[in-house]
Amino acid sequence: MPLKRLAATVGAALLAVAMIAAPARADGSHECFSGARTPNGDSYKLNGWTCSGSGYYQVIVVIRFGAAQGTYYCPSVFSWNGDLTGDYCRLT
């Protein structure tokens, strides 16, 4: 195997391993006192009340009390005056 081809193969393999090992990234987080969730296929539509935090895309949302209690990863959320809504959220 020529040296250039070997170097390209090794580089591609290292890149693939690095991409697999990279942790999920969240750009923000919100913590809510209570909330509710509605099933939406394999994810949830999430509503949170009395929330604090920042970020709109790729965020972690923690609901402390209520039927929706848990930690969620949401691709996007909208937060206004302490209330929060998120679509396609998944429990982590």
N, C-alpha and C. Protein backbone atom coordinates (compact mmCIF):
# COMPACT_ATOMS: atom_id res chain seq x y z
N MET A 1 0.85 -1.17 0.00
CA MET A 1 0.00 0.00 0.00
C MET A 1 0.90 1.23 0.00
N PRO A 2 0.70 2.14 -0.94
CA PRO A 2 1.52 3.35 -0.98
C PRO A 2 1.34 4.17 0.31
N LEU A 3 2.36 4.93 0.64
CA LEU A 3 2.38 5.70 1.87
C LEU A 3 1.25 6.72 1.94
N LYS A 4 0.94 7.40 0.82
CA LYS A 4 -0.13 8.39 0.82
C LYS A 4 -1.49 7.73 1.10
N ARG A 5 -1.71 6.59 0.51
CA ARG A 5 -2.97 5.88 0.72
C ARG A 5 -3.08 5.41 2.17
N LEU A 6 -1.99 4.91 2.72
CA LEU A 6 -1.98 4.48 4.12
C LEU A 6 -2.26 5.65 5.05
N ALA A 7 -1.64 6.79 4.79
CA ALA A 7 -1.87 7.97 5.62
C ALA A 7 -3.32 8.43 5.53
N ALA A 8 -3.90 8.41 4.35
CA ALA A 8 -5.30 8.81 4.18
C ALA A 8 -6.23 7.85 4.91
N THR A 9 -5.96 6.56 4.84
CA THR A 9 -6.78 5.56 5.51
C THR A 9 -6.70 5.71 7.03
N VAL A 10 -5.50 5.89 7.55
CA VAL A 10 -5.33 6.06 8.99
C VAL A 10 -6.01 7.36 9.45
N GLY A 11 -5.86 8.42 8.68
CA GLY A 11 -6.50 9.69 9.03
C GLY A 11 -8.02 9.57 9.06
N ALA A 12 -8.60 8.89 8.08
CA ALA A 12 -10.05 8.70 8.04
C ALA A 12 -10.52 7.85 9.21
N ALA A 13 -9.75 6.83 9.56
CA ALA A 13 -10.13 5.98 10.69
C ALA A 13 -10.08 6.76 12.00
N LEU A 14 -9.07 7.58 12.19
CA LEU A 14 -8.97 8.39 13.41
C LEU A 14 -10.10 9.40 13.49
N LEU A 15 -10.46 10.01 12.37
CA LEU A 15 -11.57 10.95 12.35
C LEU A 15 -12.89 10.27 12.70
N ALA A 16 -13.10 9.06 12.16
CA ALA A 16 -14.33 8.32 12.46
C ALA A 16 -14.42 7.98 13.94
N VAL A 17 -13.33 7.56 14.54
CA VAL A 17 -13.32 7.24 15.97
C VAL A 17 -13.57 8.49 16.79
N ALA A 18 -12.97 9.61 16.41
CA ALA A 18 -13.17 10.86 17.15
C ALA A 18 -14.62 11.32 17.08
N MET A 19 -15.27 11.14 15.94
CA MET A 19 -16.67 11.56 15.79
C MET A 19 -17.59 10.69 16.63
N ILE A 20 -17.29 9.41 16.72
CA ILE A 20 -18.11 8.50 17.52
C ILE A 20 -17.95 8.81 19.00
N ALA A 21 -16.76 9.16 19.42
CA ALA A 21 -16.47 9.39 20.83
C ALA A 21 -16.87 10.78 21.32
N ALA A 22 -17.21 11.69 20.41
CA ALA A 22 -17.54 13.06 20.82
C ALA A 22 -18.85 13.06 21.60
N PRO A 23 -18.89 13.76 22.73
CA PRO A 23 -20.12 13.82 23.52
C PRO A 23 -21.16 14.71 22.86
N ALA A 24 -22.42 14.49 23.21
CA ALA A 24 -23.49 15.35 22.72
C ALA A 24 -23.27 16.75 23.29
N ARG A 25 -23.63 17.75 22.54
CA ARG A 25 -23.37 19.12 22.95
C ARG A 25 -24.69 19.86 23.13
N ALA A 26 -24.81 20.57 24.21
CA ALA A 26 -25.98 21.41 24.45
C ALA A 26 -25.51 22.86 24.51
N ASP A 27 -26.24 23.74 23.83
CA ASP A 27 -25.86 25.15 23.80
C ASP A 27 -26.51 25.96 24.91
N GLY A 28 -27.37 25.36 25.69
CA GLY A 28 -28.01 26.08 26.78
C GLY A 28 -28.71 25.12 27.71
N SER A 29 -29.27 25.66 28.77
CA SER A 29 -30.03 24.82 29.69
C SER A 29 -31.08 25.67 30.40
N HIS A 30 -32.16 25.01 30.75
CA HIS A 30 -33.25 25.63 31.49
C HIS A 30 -33.63 24.70 32.63
N GLU A 31 -34.03 25.28 33.74
CA GLU A 31 -34.54 24.51 34.87
C GLU A 31 -35.92 25.06 35.19
N CYS A 32 -36.91 24.15 35.23
CA CYS A 32 -38.30 24.54 35.45
C CYS A 32 -38.82 23.88 36.73
N PHE A 33 -39.64 24.63 37.47
CA PHE A 33 -40.22 24.09 38.69
C PHE A 33 -41.17 22.94 38.38
N SER A 34 -42.04 23.11 37.39
CA SER A 34 -42.98 22.05 37.02
C SER A 34 -43.21 22.08 35.52
N GLY A 35 -43.90 21.05 35.02
CA GLY A 35 -44.14 21.00 33.59
C GLY A 35 -45.07 19.88 33.20
N ALA A 36 -45.35 19.83 31.92
CA ALA A 36 -46.20 18.79 31.34
C ALA A 36 -45.60 18.38 30.01
N ARG A 37 -45.88 17.15 29.61
CA ARG A 37 -45.39 16.66 28.33
C ARG A 37 -46.52 15.94 27.60
N THR A 38 -46.48 16.04 26.28
CA THR A 38 -47.46 15.39 25.42
C THR A 38 -46.68 14.52 24.44
N PRO A 39 -47.01 13.21 24.34
CA PRO A 39 -46.30 12.37 23.38
C PRO A 39 -46.46 12.91 21.96
N ASN A 40 -45.36 12.85 21.21
CA ASN A 40 -45.35 13.31 19.83
C ASN A 40 -44.50 12.32 19.03
N GLY A 41 -45.07 11.16 18.74
CA GLY A 41 -44.31 10.11 18.09
C GLY A 41 -43.31 9.52 19.06
N ASP A 42 -42.03 9.56 18.73
CA ASP A 42 -40.99 9.03 19.61
C ASP A 42 -40.35 10.12 20.46
N SER A 43 -40.99 11.28 20.55
CA SER A 43 -40.49 12.38 21.37
C SER A 43 -41.67 13.01 22.11
N TYR A 44 -41.43 14.18 22.72
CA TYR A 44 -42.48 14.86 23.48
C TYR A 44 -42.55 16.33 23.10
N LYS A 45 -43.75 16.88 23.20
CA LYS A 45 -43.93 18.34 23.23
C LYS A 45 -43.90 18.69 24.71
N LEU A 46 -43.04 19.60 25.08
CA LEU A 46 -42.78 19.88 26.49
C LEU A 46 -43.23 21.30 26.84
N ASN A 47 -43.88 21.44 27.98
CA ASN A 47 -44.24 22.74 28.54
C ASN A 47 -43.65 22.82 29.94
N GLY A 48 -42.99 23.93 30.24
CA GLY A 48 -42.42 24.13 31.56
C GLY A 48 -42.88 25.45 32.14
N TRP A 49 -43.06 25.48 33.47
CA TRP A 49 -43.51 26.69 34.15
C TRP A 49 -42.53 27.06 35.25
N THR A 50 -42.39 28.33 35.47
CA THR A 50 -41.45 28.90 36.43
C THR A 50 -40.03 28.41 36.10
N CYS A 51 -39.59 28.80 34.91
CA CYS A 51 -38.29 28.35 34.39
C CYS A 51 -37.26 29.47 34.44
N SER A 52 -36.01 29.07 34.54
CA SER A 52 -34.90 29.99 34.41
C SER A 52 -33.82 29.30 33.60
N GLY A 53 -33.04 30.08 32.91
CA GLY A 53 -31.97 29.53 32.10
C GLY A 53 -31.80 30.32 30.82
N SER A 54 -31.01 29.78 29.92
CA SER A 54 -30.77 30.46 28.65
C SER A 54 -30.56 29.45 27.54
N GLY A 55 -30.72 29.90 26.32
CA GLY A 55 -30.52 29.08 25.14
C GLY A 55 -31.83 28.75 24.46
N TYR A 56 -31.76 28.64 23.14
CA TYR A 56 -32.94 28.33 22.34
C TYR A 56 -32.78 27.07 21.50
N TYR A 57 -31.56 26.71 21.16
CA TYR A 57 -31.30 25.56 20.30
C TYR A 57 -30.38 24.58 21.00
N GLN A 58 -30.67 23.31 20.84
CA GLN A 58 -29.88 22.24 21.45
C GLN A 58 -29.71 22.48 22.94
N VAL A 59 -30.81 22.40 23.68
CA VAL A 59 -30.78 22.72 25.10
C VAL A 59 -31.17 21.52 25.96
N ILE A 60 -30.74 21.56 27.18
CA ILE A 60 -31.13 20.60 28.21
C ILE A 60 -32.19 21.30 29.06
N VAL A 61 -33.31 20.63 29.29
CA VAL A 61 -34.38 21.17 30.13
C VAL A 61 -34.60 20.21 31.29
N VAL A 62 -34.54 20.73 32.51
CA VAL A 62 -34.79 19.92 33.70
C VAL A 62 -36.12 20.37 34.30
N ILE A 63 -37.05 19.43 34.42
CA ILE A 63 -38.34 19.67 35.07
C ILE A 63 -38.23 19.04 36.46
N ARG A 64 -38.39 19.82 37.51
CA ARG A 64 -38.18 19.34 38.88
C ARG A 64 -39.36 18.58 39.47
N PHE A 65 -40.59 19.02 39.23
CA PHE A 65 -41.76 18.38 39.85
C PHE A 65 -42.86 18.19 38.81
N GLY A 66 -43.78 17.25 39.10
CA GLY A 66 -44.94 17.04 38.24
C GLY A 66 -44.81 15.80 37.39
N ALA A 67 -45.81 15.60 36.57
CA ALA A 67 -45.87 14.40 35.72
C ALA A 67 -44.73 14.35 34.71
N ALA A 68 -44.20 15.48 34.33
CA ALA A 68 -43.12 15.52 33.34
C ALA A 68 -41.74 15.58 33.97
N GLN A 69 -41.64 15.29 35.26
CA GLN A 69 -40.36 15.39 35.96
C GLN A 69 -39.28 14.60 35.21
N GLY A 70 -38.12 15.23 35.01
CA GLY A 70 -37.01 14.55 34.36
C GLY A 70 -36.10 15.53 33.65
N THR A 71 -35.12 14.99 32.95
CA THR A 71 -34.17 15.77 32.18
C THR A 71 -34.37 15.45 30.72
N TYR A 72 -34.52 16.49 29.90
CA TYR A 72 -34.83 16.35 28.48
C TYR A 72 -33.77 17.05 27.64
N TYR A 73 -33.56 16.52 26.46
CA TYR A 73 -32.77 17.20 25.44
C TYR A 73 -33.75 17.67 24.38
N CYS A 74 -33.74 18.96 24.07
CA CYS A 74 -34.65 19.54 23.09
C CYS A 74 -33.85 20.22 21.98
N PRO A 75 -34.18 19.93 20.71
CA PRO A 75 -33.50 20.62 19.62
C PRO A 75 -33.77 22.13 19.62
N SER A 76 -34.97 22.53 20.06
CA SER A 76 -35.28 23.96 20.15
C SER A 76 -36.36 24.18 21.20
N VAL A 77 -36.29 25.31 21.87
CA VAL A 77 -37.30 25.71 22.85
C VAL A 77 -37.59 27.19 22.67
N PHE A 78 -38.75 27.59 23.17
CA PHE A 78 -39.10 29.00 23.22
C PHE A 78 -39.42 29.34 24.66
N SER A 79 -38.73 30.32 25.21
CA SER A 79 -38.91 30.70 26.60
C SER A 79 -39.39 32.15 26.65
N TRP A 80 -40.44 32.38 27.46
CA TRP A 80 -41.00 33.72 27.57
C TRP A 80 -41.59 33.92 28.95
N ASN A 81 -41.15 34.92 29.68
CA ASN A 81 -41.68 35.27 31.00
C ASN A 81 -41.73 34.09 31.95
N GLY A 82 -40.72 33.27 31.94
CA GLY A 82 -40.64 32.15 32.86
C GLY A 82 -41.33 30.88 32.41
N ASP A 83 -42.02 30.91 31.27
CA ASP A 83 -42.64 29.70 30.71
C ASP A 83 -41.82 29.22 29.52
N LEU A 84 -41.91 27.95 29.23
CA LEU A 84 -41.10 27.36 28.19
C LEU A 84 -41.93 26.36 27.39
N THR A 85 -41.73 26.30 26.09
CA THR A 85 -42.31 25.25 25.25
C THR A 85 -41.19 24.68 24.39
N GLY A 86 -41.23 23.40 24.17
CA GLY A 86 -40.23 22.74 23.34
C GLY A 86 -40.87 21.63 22.53
N ASP A 87 -40.38 21.43 21.33
CA ASP A 87 -40.88 20.36 20.46
C ASP A 87 -39.78 19.32 20.25
N TYR A 88 -40.19 18.09 20.02
CA TYR A 88 -39.27 16.98 19.73
C TYR A 88 -38.25 16.75 20.83
N CYS A 89 -38.68 16.92 22.08
CA CYS A 89 -37.80 16.71 23.23
C CYS A 89 -37.74 15.23 23.59
N ARG A 90 -36.61 14.79 24.04
CA ARG A 90 -36.41 13.40 24.44
C ARG A 90 -35.84 13.33 25.85
N LEU A 91 -36.30 12.35 26.61
CA LEU A 91 -35.74 12.11 27.93
C LEU A 91 -34.30 11.67 27.80
N THR A 92 -33.45 12.15 28.69
CA THR A 92 -32.04 11.73 28.64
C THR A 92 -31.76 10.75 29.75
